[in-house]
Each structure stands twice: as C-alpha cells, then as structure tokens.
Amino acid sequence: MFLIGIVGIIMLFWFAIVGLWKLIPWLILAVIVTSVISLFLDHMVWVLIIVGALVFFYIVGTRVDKK
C-alpha cells in the first residue's frame, strides 16, 4: 500500500509537470480505489469472521424470539 502511494505521488508530479491537469482527479480516484481494495484484502479474514458472527447471532436471536 505504501508503494501505491509513492507511485501515485510520482505520477501526480509528472502529470503536473507535463501539463495533464485533467488526469489528476482520475489518478487520485485510482489511488483511493486501490487503497480500499488492498485494505479489504489485508483484513478480509477479520471481515469474514465478524460478518459470520453477526449472521450467527442474528439466526440465534430470531430462533430465541420465536420460542
């Protein structure tokens, strides 16, 4: 993720030097999207455990309410 930020900053400066101002928002969007994807993939196991626990407690809670 650190490498994505470094490459993004280098490209940002390059776009500014070359004069490609219209591409800068797309570069920022690309860095944000790849950072979010990488953050999700890094913590995917924890997300799955938490979602699984929430589903389990929801199912147990609805069964207890029916009795």
C-alpha atoms as a PDB file:
ATOM      1  CA  MET A   1       0.000   0.000   0.000  1.00  0.00           C
ATOM      2  CA  PHE A   2       2.933   2.293   0.701  1.00  0.00           C
ATOM      3  CA  LEU A   3       4.263   1.598  -2.791  1.00  0.00           C
ATOM      4  CA  ILE A   4       0.904   2.578  -4.332  1.00  0.00           C
ATOM      5  CA  GLY A   5       1.094   5.930  -2.547  1.00  0.00           C
ATOM      6  CA  ILE A   6       4.666   6.575  -3.681  1.00  0.00           C
ATOM      7  CA  VAL A   7       3.833   5.720  -7.305  1.00  0.00           C
ATOM      8  CA  GLY A   8       0.719   7.905  -7.083  1.00  0.00           C
ATOM      9  CA  ILE A   9       2.702  10.889  -5.804  1.00  0.00           C
ATOM     10  CA  ILE A  10       5.356  10.449  -8.515  1.00  0.00           C
ATOM     11  CA  MET A  11       2.661  10.275 -11.210  1.00  0.00           C
ATOM     12  CA  LEU A  12       0.912  13.302  -9.711  1.00  0.00           C
ATOM     13  CA  PHE A  13       4.082  15.369 -10.023  1.00  0.00           C
ATOM     14  CA  TRP A  14       4.683  14.028 -13.538  1.00  0.00           C
ATOM     15  CA  PHE A  15       1.143  14.948 -14.630  1.00  0.00           C
ATOM     16  CA  ALA A  16       1.618  18.434 -13.172  1.00  0.00           C
ATOM     17  CA  ILE A  17       4.966  18.933 -14.941  1.00  0.00           C
ATOM     18  CA  VAL A  18       3.724  17.641 -18.295  1.00  0.00           C
ATOM     19  CA  GLY A  19       0.511  19.638 -18.031  1.00  0.00           C
ATOM     20  CA  LEU A  20      -2.015  16.806 -17.866  1.00  0.00           C
ATOM     21  CA  TRP A  21      -4.215  18.548 -15.301  1.00  0.00           C
ATOM     22  CA  LYS A  22      -7.353  16.711 -16.438  1.00  0.00           C
ATOM     23  CA  LEU A  23      -5.875  13.340 -15.444  1.00  0.00           C
ATOM     24  CA  ILE A  24      -5.052  14.293 -11.843  1.00  0.00           C
ATOM     25  CA  PRO A  25      -8.580  13.583 -10.439  1.00  0.00           C
ATOM     26  CA  TRP A  26      -8.542  10.168 -12.142  1.00  0.00           C
ATOM     27  CA  LEU A  27      -5.161   9.399 -10.601  1.00  0.00           C
ATOM     28  CA  ILE A  28      -6.420  10.354  -7.141  1.00  0.00           C
ATOM     29  CA  LEU A  29      -9.504   8.188  -7.646  1.00  0.00           C
ATOM     30  CA  ALA A  30      -7.348   5.248  -8.778  1.00  0.00           C
ATOM     31  CA  VAL A  31      -5.106   5.537  -5.700  1.00  0.00           C
ATOM     32  CA  ILE A  32      -8.135   5.684  -3.388  1.00  0.00           C
ATOM     33  CA  VAL A  33      -9.815   2.671  -5.030  1.00  0.00           C
ATOM     34  CA  THR A  34      -6.656   0.543  -4.971  1.00  0.00           C
ATOM     35  CA  SER A  35      -6.010   1.519  -1.354  1.00  0.00           C
ATOM     36  CA  VAL A  36      -9.532   0.471  -0.326  1.00  0.00           C
ATOM     37  CA  ILE A  37      -9.208  -2.834  -2.199  1.00  0.00           C
ATOM     38  CA  SER A  38      -5.828  -3.533  -0.633  1.00  0.00           C
ATOM     39  CA  LEU A  39      -7.140  -2.636   2.840  1.00  0.00           C
ATOM     40  CA  PHE A  40     -10.088  -5.014   2.352  1.00  0.00           C
ATOM     41  CA  LEU A  41      -7.809  -7.825   1.149  1.00  0.00           C
ATOM     42  CA  ASP A  42      -5.417  -7.312   4.066  1.00  0.00           C
ATOM     43  CA  HIS A  43      -8.238  -7.596   6.587  1.00  0.00           C
ATOM     44  CA  MET A  44     -10.521  -9.970   4.682  1.00  0.00           C
ATOM     45  CA  VAL A  45     -10.218 -12.738   7.299  1.00  0.00           C
ATOM     46  CA  TRP A  46     -11.358 -10.389  10.079  1.00  0.00           C
ATOM     47  CA  VAL A  47     -14.224  -9.075   7.969  1.00  0.00           C
ATOM     48  CA  LEU A  48     -15.408 -12.632   7.259  1.00  0.00           C
ATOM     49  CA  ILE A  49     -15.175 -13.584  10.957  1.00  0.00           C
ATOM     50  CA  ILE A  50     -17.155 -10.511  12.032  1.00  0.00           C
ATOM     51  CA  VAL A  51     -19.807 -10.997   9.340  1.00  0.00           C
ATOM     52  CA  GLY A  52     -20.078 -14.685  10.230  1.00  0.00           C
ATOM     53  CA  ALA A  53     -20.528 -13.834  13.911  1.00  0.00           C
ATOM     54  CA  LEU A  54     -23.209 -11.255  13.107  1.00  0.00           C
ATOM     55  CA  VAL A  55     -25.115 -13.733  10.932  1.00  0.00           C
ATOM     56  CA  PHE A  56     -24.821 -16.393  13.654  1.00  0.00           C
ATOM     57  CA  PHE A  57     -26.137 -14.053  16.351  1.00  0.00           C
ATOM     58  CA  TYR A  58     -28.953 -12.902  14.056  1.00  0.00           C
ATOM     59  CA  ILE A  59     -30.057 -16.503  13.411  1.00  0.00           C
ATOM     60  CA  VAL A  60     -29.823 -17.434  17.106  1.00  0.00           C
ATOM     61  CA  GLY A  61     -31.668 -14.253  18.075  1.00  0.00           C
ATOM     62  CA  THR A  62     -34.558 -14.898  15.680  1.00  0.00           C
ATOM     63  CA  ARG A  63     -34.910 -18.505  16.894  1.00  0.00           C
ATOM     64  CA  VAL A  64     -34.981 -17.394  20.531  1.00  0.00           C
ATOM     65  CA  ASP A  65     -37.672 -14.795  19.738  1.00  0.00           C
ATOM     66  CA  LYS A  66     -39.889 -17.467  18.116  1.00  0.00           C
ATOM     67  CA  LYS A  67     -39.889 -19.668  21.237  1.00  0.00           C
END
